Amino acid sequence: MDRKVLLISHNALGKENNMARTLENQFMGLRSEQIAQLFFSDENPNSEYCDNYFRVSDSEVLRSLYSRKEVGNKINITFHESIDNKDEWIKTKIRKKGNRRPAVYLIRNLIWLLGKWKSKKLDDWLDQFKPDVIYFASGDYAFSYMVTLYIAKRRNIPVIIGCYDDFYIDKRKTINPLYHITYQNLMKKAKELFDLSSAFVAVSDMMVEDYSKLFNKKGYTLYTPTNLLNNSSNFKKQEIITYAGNLGHGRAEQLISLGRALKKIGVPSLDHIDVYSGEIRTEITGSLTADNGINFCGRVPAEKVQELMISSKYIVHTESFDETFTKRVKYSLSTKIADCLASGSCIIAYGPKEVASISYLEKDEAACVISDEASLEKKLIGLFASDEEKKRICASAKKLAYRNHSSDKNRELLCNIIESLF
């Protein structure tokens, strides 16, 4: 494929968060001159495959409100600039992970609506790159759709929308008027962009089916790729159970339930879960104790997470049974699933079957799926007692990883989708 792709997303390409790694794996097959990224976070890119970036950050757009000067700059990936202290509130109040209050959405979208991000520098950068197609990694802030629409219309080029989490169907039940304002604003911009777009891709069949109906647009399932398929055999398995990832959306409570069951069963070295997460909220971490069968290890670098996954005999994937959380993650195929399947470790999946990630693992028998707390101990005892069952699960997982999560196959599919637009 010789098309030039403009990637628009909140996060810069790199290895420091799940979205950045997912996008990098999707596009790493393109030559460096074929890919450029426009992003909105204050972070710096850290990619081996892309060297052409333009950044417009919250801090810059905020400053433009009172300076009335155009903002945004081409980024040199070897130059790491610090953010001024006067802009620190943007990072802590608006960008802070987990800060999802409606007022924050309203303020951030308003800043971008009034800010001077439409600049000559941005136009010159786009003129120099000359993109053939836009790939937009969707989010839950309306301003990113506004930016994408502006560029797509101005340059008259097709758009492919990448969907990784559900921001559209799961409308919360609340009397907060600000939530309804921000939700309606997001849906207005999303529908406008979907109408303009040529196609969309999503991480699960369930999401493709429901979004096709919602937006009346053709969709494709593009599973999250992994780069572990050729590396997992190089590590010796340790007799440990590992969980690495987000502890939000009720996952911490799930791990505690699982940890208590493991402690009660009492198999040596398998009587607790080693939990790795950057979670700092004490109301969550305070319960991750040895009494609850949890060894909380804190945050580790992304490369270390992959090492832990492929060196552990068992790895855990979990989603909450709470209906509020189930609705929020219903369509998402967790970004860790691909690495879990390719790791060669036995997956313990604990959560409701109506969530895409749990049903996906169960369908191909690629995990020991436990879908209710009542059968937790019985299923774990049976798993630990049967080497044959563990081997069968690991073989099924590896087969599924090769079929749906090969980086090469996924990039080929994405390239074919792009070529079909011309």
Protein backbone atom coordinates (compact mmCIF):
# COMPACT_ATOMS: atom_id res chain seq x y z
CA MET A 1 0.00 0.00 0.00
CA ASP A 2 1.32 3.45 -0.96
CA ARG A 3 -1.37 5.64 0.63
CA LYS A 4 -0.39 8.27 3.18
CA VAL A 5 -2.28 8.04 6.48
CA LEU A 6 -2.92 10.91 8.86
CA LEU A 7 -3.52 9.43 12.31
CA ILE A 8 -5.54 11.66 14.65
CA SER A 9 -5.71 10.63 18.31
CA HIS A 10 -5.45 11.94 21.84
CA ASN A 11 -2.29 10.00 22.71
CA ALA A 12 1.04 10.12 20.91
CA LEU A 13 2.36 6.90 19.42
CA GLY A 14 4.61 4.99 21.79
CA LYS A 15 4.68 2.31 24.45
CA GLU A 16 3.49 4.10 27.56
CA ASN A 17 -0.25 3.38 27.36
CA ASN A 18 -2.55 0.79 25.82
CA MET A 19 -4.00 3.02 23.12
CA ALA A 20 -0.58 4.24 21.97
CA ARG A 21 0.74 0.66 21.73
CA THR A 22 -2.39 -0.54 19.91
CA LEU A 23 -2.14 2.19 17.29
CA GLU A 24 1.58 1.65 16.85
CA ASN A 25 1.07 -2.07 16.28
CA GLN A 26 -1.63 -1.32 13.71
CA PHE A 27 0.50 1.03 11.64
CA MET A 28 4.08 -0.15 12.21
CA GLY A 29 4.08 -1.90 8.81
CA LEU A 30 3.88 1.42 6.96
CA ARG A 31 7.02 3.22 5.84
CA SER A 32 7.84 6.30 7.92
CA GLU A 33 6.98 8.62 5.01
CA GLN A 34 3.46 7.09 4.86
CA ILE A 35 2.36 7.91 8.40
CA ALA A 36 1.98 11.18 10.31
CA GLN A 37 0.19 11.89 13.57
CA LEU A 38 -1.78 14.81 14.94
CA PHE A 39 -2.29 14.41 18.69
CA PHE A 40 -3.61 16.42 21.62
CA SER A 41 -1.85 15.29 24.81
CA ASP A 42 1.11 17.00 26.48
CA GLU A 43 3.20 13.84 26.18
CA ASN A 44 6.03 13.26 23.72
CA PRO A 45 6.01 10.56 21.03
CA ASN A 46 8.14 7.46 21.53
CA SER A 47 7.82 5.45 18.34
CA GLU A 48 10.26 3.46 16.25
CA TYR A 49 8.10 3.70 13.12
CA CYS A 50 6.75 7.25 12.84
CA ASP A 51 8.79 10.44 12.88
CA ASN A 52 6.28 13.03 11.67
CA TYR A 53 4.11 14.63 14.37
CA PHE A 54 2.05 17.73 15.03
CA ARG A 55 0.86 18.48 18.56
CA VAL A 56 -1.88 20.81 19.74
CA SER A 57 -2.25 20.44 23.49
CA ASP A 58 -4.80 21.63 26.04
CA SER A 59 -2.13 23.88 27.55
CA GLU A 60 -1.52 25.63 24.24
CA VAL A 61 -5.20 26.01 23.36
CA LEU A 62 -5.87 27.44 26.82
CA ARG A 63 -3.12 30.03 26.39
CA SER A 64 -4.55 31.01 23.01
CA LEU A 65 -7.79 32.11 24.68
CA TYR A 66 -6.08 35.17 26.12
CA SER A 67 -3.09 35.55 23.78
CA ARG A 68 -5.28 35.10 20.65
CA LYS A 69 -2.23 33.66 18.91
CA GLU A 70 -2.40 30.51 16.83
CA VAL A 71 -0.99 27.43 18.56
CA GLY A 72 0.34 24.00 17.67
CA ASN A 73 3.75 22.84 16.48
CA LYS A 74 5.50 20.13 14.55
CA ILE A 75 7.23 17.88 17.08
CA ASN A 76 10.79 16.63 16.89
CA ILE A 77 10.73 13.25 18.64
CA THR A 78 14.29 13.67 19.93
CA PHE A 79 13.35 16.88 21.77
CA HIS A 80 11.58 16.57 25.11
CA GLU A 81 10.17 19.81 26.41
CA SER A 82 8.71 20.32 29.86
CA ILE A 83 5.31 21.80 30.55
CA ASP A 84 5.23 25.14 32.37
CA ASN A 85 4.04 25.05 35.96
CA LYS A 86 1.28 27.51 35.15
CA ASP A 87 -0.25 24.84 32.92
CA GLU A 88 -0.02 22.10 35.54
CA TRP A 89 -3.70 22.46 36.43
CA ILE A 90 -4.58 21.37 32.88
CA LYS A 91 -2.74 18.10 33.45
CA THR A 92 -4.09 17.51 36.92
CA LYS A 93 -7.64 18.78 36.54
CA ILE A 94 -8.53 18.09 32.91
CA ARG A 95 -6.16 15.33 31.85
CA LYS A 96 -5.99 13.39 35.12
CA LYS A 97 -6.92 9.76 34.59
CA GLY A 98 -10.31 9.00 36.05
CA ASN A 99 -11.40 12.66 36.08
CA ARG A 100 -14.59 12.21 34.08
CA ARG A 101 -16.95 14.74 35.63
CA PRO A 102 -19.37 16.34 33.12
CA ALA A 103 -18.10 19.82 34.00
CA VAL A 104 -14.59 18.80 32.90
CA TYR A 105 -15.90 17.63 29.53
CA LEU A 106 -17.85 20.86 29.12
CA ILE A 107 -14.88 23.08 29.99
CA ARG A 108 -12.40 21.20 27.82
CA ASN A 109 -14.68 21.14 24.78
CA LEU A 110 -15.41 24.86 25.25
CA ILE A 111 -11.69 25.68 25.43
CA TRP A 112 -11.15 23.94 22.09
CA LEU A 113 -14.24 25.53 20.54
CA LEU A 114 -12.92 29.03 21.35
CA GLY A 115 -9.18 28.37 21.03
CA LYS A 116 -6.92 29.25 18.09
CA TRP A 117 -5.89 25.74 17.00
CA LYS A 118 -6.75 26.35 13.33
CA SER A 119 -3.32 27.59 12.38
CA LYS A 120 -1.09 28.26 9.38
CA LYS A 121 1.48 25.91 10.92
CA LEU A 122 -1.06 23.07 10.92
CA ASP A 123 -2.09 23.80 7.33
CA ASP A 124 1.55 23.98 6.21
CA TRP A 125 2.33 20.69 7.94
CA LEU A 126 -0.63 19.00 6.24
CA ASP A 127 0.32 20.53 2.89
CA GLN A 128 3.81 19.12 3.25
CA PHE A 129 2.62 15.62 4.22
CA LYS A 130 -0.33 15.48 1.76
CA PRO A 131 -2.42 12.73 3.48
CA ASP A 132 -4.65 10.48 1.37
CA VAL A 133 -6.81 9.28 4.26
CA ILE A 134 -7.51 10.12 7.91
CA TYR A 135 -7.61 7.42 10.58
CA PHE A 136 -9.36 8.84 13.65
CA ALA A 137 -9.01 7.01 16.97
CA SER A 138 -12.32 7.93 18.59
CA GLY A 139 -12.64 9.22 22.14
CA ASP A 140 -15.24 10.71 24.45
CA TYR A 141 -14.41 14.41 23.95
CA ALA A 142 -16.36 16.18 21.20
CA PHE A 143 -13.50 18.52 20.29
CA SER A 144 -11.42 15.76 18.66
CA TYR A 145 -14.32 15.02 16.28
CA MET A 146 -14.52 18.74 15.51
CA VAL A 147 -10.82 18.84 14.59
CA THR A 148 -11.13 15.73 12.40
CA LEU A 149 -14.18 17.12 10.61
CA TYR A 150 -12.36 20.39 9.95
CA ILE A 151 -9.37 18.66 8.33
CA ALA A 152 -11.41 16.09 6.39
CA LYS A 153 -13.71 18.73 4.88
CA ARG A 154 -10.92 21.21 4.21
CA ARG A 155 -8.81 18.65 2.38
CA ASN A 156 -11.67 16.54 0.99
CA ILE A 157 -10.15 13.19 2.02
CA PRO A 158 -11.84 10.03 3.34
CA VAL A 159 -12.03 9.15 7.04
CA ILE A 160 -11.85 5.79 8.79
CA ILE A 161 -12.98 5.82 12.43
CA GLY A 162 -11.29 3.46 14.89
CA CYS A 163 -13.53 2.43 17.82
CA TYR A 164 -11.90 0.92 20.90
CA ASP A 165 -14.36 1.72 23.70
CA ASP A 166 -18.06 2.49 23.75
CA PHE A 167 -18.86 6.18 24.11
CA TYR A 168 -22.20 6.20 22.30
CA ILE A 169 -24.66 3.51 23.37
CA ASP A 170 -24.06 3.45 27.12
CA LYS A 171 -25.91 6.61 28.12
CA ARG A 172 -25.82 6.96 31.89
CA LYS A 173 -28.90 7.43 34.03
CA THR A 174 -28.38 10.72 35.82
CA ILE A 175 -30.24 13.95 36.52
CA ASN A 176 -27.05 16.00 36.06
CA PRO A 177 -27.91 18.40 33.18
CA LEU A 178 -24.22 18.91 32.32
CA TYR A 179 -23.88 15.21 31.52
CA HIS A 180 -26.79 15.31 29.09
CA ILE A 181 -25.39 18.46 27.44
CA THR A 182 -21.95 16.91 26.92
CA TYR A 183 -23.42 13.58 25.78
CA GLN A 184 -25.67 15.24 23.20
CA ASN A 185 -22.76 17.35 22.00
CA LEU A 186 -20.60 14.23 21.60
CA MET A 187 -23.34 12.33 19.75
CA LYS A 188 -23.99 15.28 17.42
CA LYS A 189 -20.33 15.43 16.41
CA ALA A 190 -19.97 11.63 16.27
CA LYS A 191 -22.97 11.28 13.94
CA GLU A 192 -21.65 14.07 11.74
CA LEU A 193 -18.26 12.37 11.48
CA PHE A 194 -19.73 8.89 10.91
CA ASP A 195 -21.92 10.35 8.14
CA LEU A 196 -18.83 11.85 6.53
CA SER A 197 -16.64 8.77 7.06
CA SER A 198 -16.12 5.99 4.55
CA ALA A 199 -16.00 3.15 7.11
CA PHE A 200 -15.22 2.32 10.71
CA VAL A 201 -13.30 -0.43 12.46
CA ALA A 202 -14.03 -1.82 15.94
CA VAL A 203 -12.41 -4.28 18.32
CA SER A 204 -15.27 -6.78 18.58
CA ASP A 205 -18.01 -8.25 16.39
CA MET A 206 -20.61 -7.08 18.90
CA MET A 207 -19.45 -3.47 18.58
CA VAL A 208 -19.37 -3.64 14.77
CA GLU A 209 -22.91 -5.02 14.63
CA ASP A 210 -24.46 -2.45 16.98
CA TYR A 211 -22.53 0.55 15.61
CA SER A 212 -23.48 -0.39 12.05
CA LYS A 213 -27.12 -0.15 13.11
CA LEU A 214 -26.62 3.04 15.17
CA PHE A 215 -24.73 5.01 12.52
CA ASN A 216 -25.87 3.21 9.35
CA LYS A 217 -22.24 2.74 8.31
CA LYS A 218 -20.22 -0.27 7.16
CA GLY A 219 -17.88 -1.59 9.83
CA TYR A 220 -15.04 -4.09 10.11
CA THR A 221 -13.74 -6.03 13.09
CA LEU A 222 -10.07 -5.24 13.60
CA TYR A 223 -8.81 -7.13 16.62
CA THR A 224 -6.11 -5.69 18.85
CA PRO A 225 -2.72 -6.93 17.57
CA THR A 226 0.08 -8.37 19.72
CA ASN A 227 3.82 -8.64 19.22
CA LEU A 228 4.22 -11.56 21.65
CA LEU A 229 3.45 -14.42 19.25
CA ASN A 230 7.11 -15.13 18.52
CA ASN A 231 8.48 -14.28 21.96
CA SER A 232 6.46 -16.21 24.53
CA SER A 233 8.48 -19.44 24.26
CA ASN A 234 11.67 -17.75 25.46
CA PHE A 235 10.58 -17.49 29.11
CA LYS A 236 10.36 -20.20 31.74
CA LYS A 237 6.96 -20.33 33.43
CA GLN A 238 6.85 -19.57 37.14
CA GLU A 239 4.24 -21.05 39.45
CA ILE A 240 2.48 -17.73 40.01
CA ILE A 241 -0.82 -16.00 39.20
CA THR A 242 -0.49 -12.51 37.74
CA TYR A 243 -2.85 -9.64 37.00
CA ALA A 244 -1.52 -6.54 35.24
CA GLY A 245 -3.73 -3.65 34.26
CA ASN A 246 -6.46 -1.22 35.20
CA LEU A 247 -8.22 -1.61 38.55
CA GLY A 248 -11.16 0.64 37.72
CA HIS A 249 -14.71 -0.36 36.76
CA GLY A 250 -14.99 -2.76 39.70
CA ARG A 251 -12.01 -4.92 38.73
CA ALA A 252 -10.34 -4.51 42.13
CA GLU A 253 -13.38 -6.04 43.86
CA GLN A 254 -13.29 -8.93 41.40
CA LEU A 255 -9.62 -9.58 42.16
CA ILE A 256 -10.32 -9.55 45.89
CA SER A 257 -13.08 -12.14 45.41
CA LEU A 258 -10.69 -14.28 43.38
CA GLY A 259 -7.84 -13.75 45.85
CA ARG A 260 -9.94 -14.84 48.82
CA ALA A 261 -10.95 -18.01 46.98
CA LEU A 262 -7.30 -18.78 46.18
CA LYS A 263 -6.30 -18.23 49.79
CA LYS A 264 -9.08 -20.55 50.95
CA ILE A 265 -8.03 -23.28 48.50
CA GLY A 266 -4.46 -22.90 49.73
CA VAL A 267 -2.36 -24.37 46.92
CA PRO A 268 1.28 -23.41 47.71
CA SER A 269 2.49 -20.43 45.60
CA LEU A 270 -0.98 -20.22 44.02
CA ASP A 271 -2.71 -18.85 47.12
CA HIS A 272 -2.58 -15.21 46.01
CA ILE A 273 -2.51 -12.93 42.93
CA ASP A 274 0.44 -10.67 42.12
CA VAL A 275 -1.29 -7.45 41.01
CA TYR A 276 0.58 -4.86 38.93
CA SER A 277 -1.10 -1.52 38.36
CA GLY A 278 -0.41 2.19 38.44
CA GLU A 279 -3.52 2.68 40.59
CA ILE A 280 -2.94 5.25 43.36
CA ARG A 281 -6.42 5.72 44.81
CA THR A 282 -6.16 4.55 48.41
CA GLU A 283 -9.84 3.59 48.52
CA ILE A 284 -8.89 0.89 46.01
CA THR A 285 -5.32 -0.02 46.93
CA GLY A 286 -6.14 -0.13 50.65
CA SER A 287 -8.09 -3.38 50.14
CA LEU A 288 -5.43 -5.09 48.04
CA THR A 289 -3.87 -6.90 50.98
CA ALA A 290 -2.46 -10.31 51.84
CA ASP A 291 -5.58 -11.00 53.92
CA ASN A 292 -7.55 -10.75 50.68
CA GLY A 293 -5.13 -12.95 48.75
CA ILE A 294 -3.51 -10.02 46.94
CA ASN A 295 0.15 -9.04 46.63
CA PHE A 296 -0.04 -5.47 45.29
CA CYS A 297 3.17 -4.70 43.39
CA GLY A 298 2.40 -1.25 42.00
CA ARG A 299 3.31 0.11 38.59
CA VAL A 300 5.86 -1.45 36.23
CA PRO A 301 6.98 -0.38 32.70
CA ALA A 302 5.05 -1.71 29.71
CA GLU A 303 7.90 -4.00 28.64
CA LYS A 304 8.01 -5.52 32.13
CA VAL A 305 4.25 -6.20 31.98
CA GLN A 306 4.75 -8.35 28.90
CA GLU A 307 7.61 -10.22 30.59
CA LEU A 308 5.41 -10.89 33.61
CA MET A 309 2.60 -12.21 31.43
CA ILE A 310 4.74 -14.68 29.51
CA SER A 311 6.67 -15.87 32.57
CA SER A 312 3.56 -16.52 34.73
CA LYS A 313 1.85 -19.89 34.70
CA TYR A 314 -1.55 -18.20 35.13
CA ILE A 315 -2.76 -14.75 34.16
CA VAL A 316 -6.05 -13.16 35.14
CA HIS A 317 -8.53 -11.18 33.08
CA THR A 318 -11.55 -9.90 34.96
CA GLU A 319 -14.61 -7.68 34.54
CA SER A 320 -17.14 -6.68 37.18
CA PHE A 321 -20.55 -8.33 37.65
CA ASP A 322 -21.96 -4.93 38.66
CA GLU A 323 -24.50 -3.86 36.02
CA THR A 324 -23.21 -0.27 35.97
CA PHE A 325 -19.71 -1.39 35.03
CA THR A 326 -20.91 -4.21 32.76
CA LYS A 327 -22.72 -1.69 30.56
CA ARG A 328 -19.60 0.47 30.27
CA VAL A 329 -17.30 -2.34 29.11
CA LYS A 330 -19.90 -4.39 27.24
CA TYR A 331 -18.39 -3.84 23.78
CA SER A 332 -14.72 -3.53 24.65
CA LEU A 333 -12.22 -6.25 23.97
CA SER A 334 -9.58 -5.35 26.52
CA THR A 335 -6.24 -4.36 25.01
CA LYS A 336 -4.58 -6.97 27.23
CA ILE A 337 -6.56 -9.84 25.69
CA ALA A 338 -4.27 -10.15 22.67
CA ASP A 339 -1.14 -10.34 24.85
CA CYS A 340 -2.84 -12.78 27.22
CA LEU A 341 -3.73 -15.13 24.36
CA ALA A 342 -0.24 -15.00 22.87
CA SER A 343 1.60 -15.35 26.19
CA GLY A 344 1.42 -19.14 26.39
CA SER A 345 0.07 -18.77 29.94
CA CYS A 346 -3.21 -20.20 31.18
CA ILE A 347 -5.87 -17.48 31.31
CA ILE A 348 -8.31 -17.30 34.22
CA ALA A 349 -11.23 -15.15 33.03
CA TYR A 350 -13.57 -14.08 35.81
CA GLY A 351 -16.60 -12.02 34.85
CA PRO A 352 -20.04 -11.89 33.18
CA LYS A 353 -20.55 -13.60 29.82
CA GLU A 354 -22.44 -10.62 28.38
CA VAL A 355 -19.16 -8.64 28.29
CA ALA A 356 -17.43 -8.99 24.90
CA SER A 357 -14.02 -9.96 26.28
CA ILE A 358 -15.37 -12.77 28.48
CA SER A 359 -17.69 -14.17 25.79
CA TYR A 360 -14.84 -13.97 23.26
CA LEU A 361 -12.58 -16.13 25.42
CA GLU A 362 -15.37 -18.58 26.23
CA LYS A 363 -16.43 -19.03 22.60
CA ASP A 364 -13.06 -20.46 21.62
CA GLU A 365 -12.43 -22.10 25.01
CA ALA A 366 -9.28 -20.01 25.29
CA ALA A 367 -9.54 -19.50 29.06
CA CYS A 368 -10.87 -21.01 32.24
CA VAL A 369 -14.02 -18.88 32.25
CA ILE A 370 -15.72 -18.39 35.62
CA SER A 371 -18.94 -16.43 35.22
CA ASP A 372 -20.36 -16.53 38.76
CA GLU A 373 -18.89 -16.34 42.24
CA ALA A 374 -20.65 -19.52 43.40
CA SER A 375 -18.55 -21.73 41.12
CA LEU A 376 -15.28 -19.88 41.73
CA GLU A 377 -13.59 -22.31 44.11
CA LYS A 378 -14.78 -25.45 42.28
CA LYS A 379 -13.50 -24.23 38.91
CA LEU A 380 -10.14 -23.15 40.30
CA ILE A 381 -9.60 -26.47 42.08
CA GLY A 382 -10.43 -28.34 38.87
CA LEU A 383 -8.04 -26.17 36.85
CA PHE A 384 -5.12 -26.57 39.24
CA ALA A 385 -5.63 -30.36 39.39
CA SER A 386 -5.60 -30.98 35.63
CA ASP A 387 -2.43 -30.47 33.58
CA GLU A 388 -4.36 -31.68 30.54
CA GLU A 389 -6.94 -28.89 30.94
CA LYS A 390 -4.22 -26.25 31.27
CA LYS A 391 -2.49 -27.50 28.11
CA ARG A 392 -5.78 -27.51 26.20
CA ILE A 393 -6.58 -23.93 27.26
CA CYS A 394 -3.10 -22.66 26.35
CA ALA A 395 -3.24 -24.37 22.94
CA SER A 396 -6.68 -22.89 22.19
CA ALA A 397 -5.49 -19.44 23.29
CA LYS A 398 -2.42 -19.55 21.05
CA LYS A 399 -4.52 -20.70 18.10
CA LEU A 400 -6.95 -17.80 18.62
CA ALA A 401 -4.06 -15.35 18.93
CA TYR A 402 -2.60 -16.47 15.59
CA ARG A 403 -6.00 -16.31 13.89
CA ASN A 404 -7.17 -12.88 15.09
CA HIS A 405 -4.29 -10.99 16.71
CA SER A 406 -1.33 -11.37 14.38
CA SER A 407 0.17 -7.92 13.79
CA ASP A 408 0.94 -8.78 10.17
CA LYS A 409 -2.60 -10.03 9.44
CA ASN A 410 -4.21 -7.03 11.15
CA ARG A 411 -2.05 -4.55 9.25
CA GLU A 412 -2.86 -6.31 5.99
CA LEU A 413 -6.59 -6.08 6.75
CA LEU A 414 -6.32 -2.39 7.63
CA CYS A 415 -4.35 -1.68 4.45
CA ASN A 416 -6.99 -3.51 2.40
CA ILE A 417 -9.73 -1.41 4.01
CA ILE A 418 -7.83 1.77 3.18
CA GLU A 419 -7.21 0.70 -0.42
CA SER A 420 -10.90 -0.15 -0.87
CA LEU A 421 -11.74 3.54 -0.43
CA PHE A 422 -9.97 4.52 -3.66
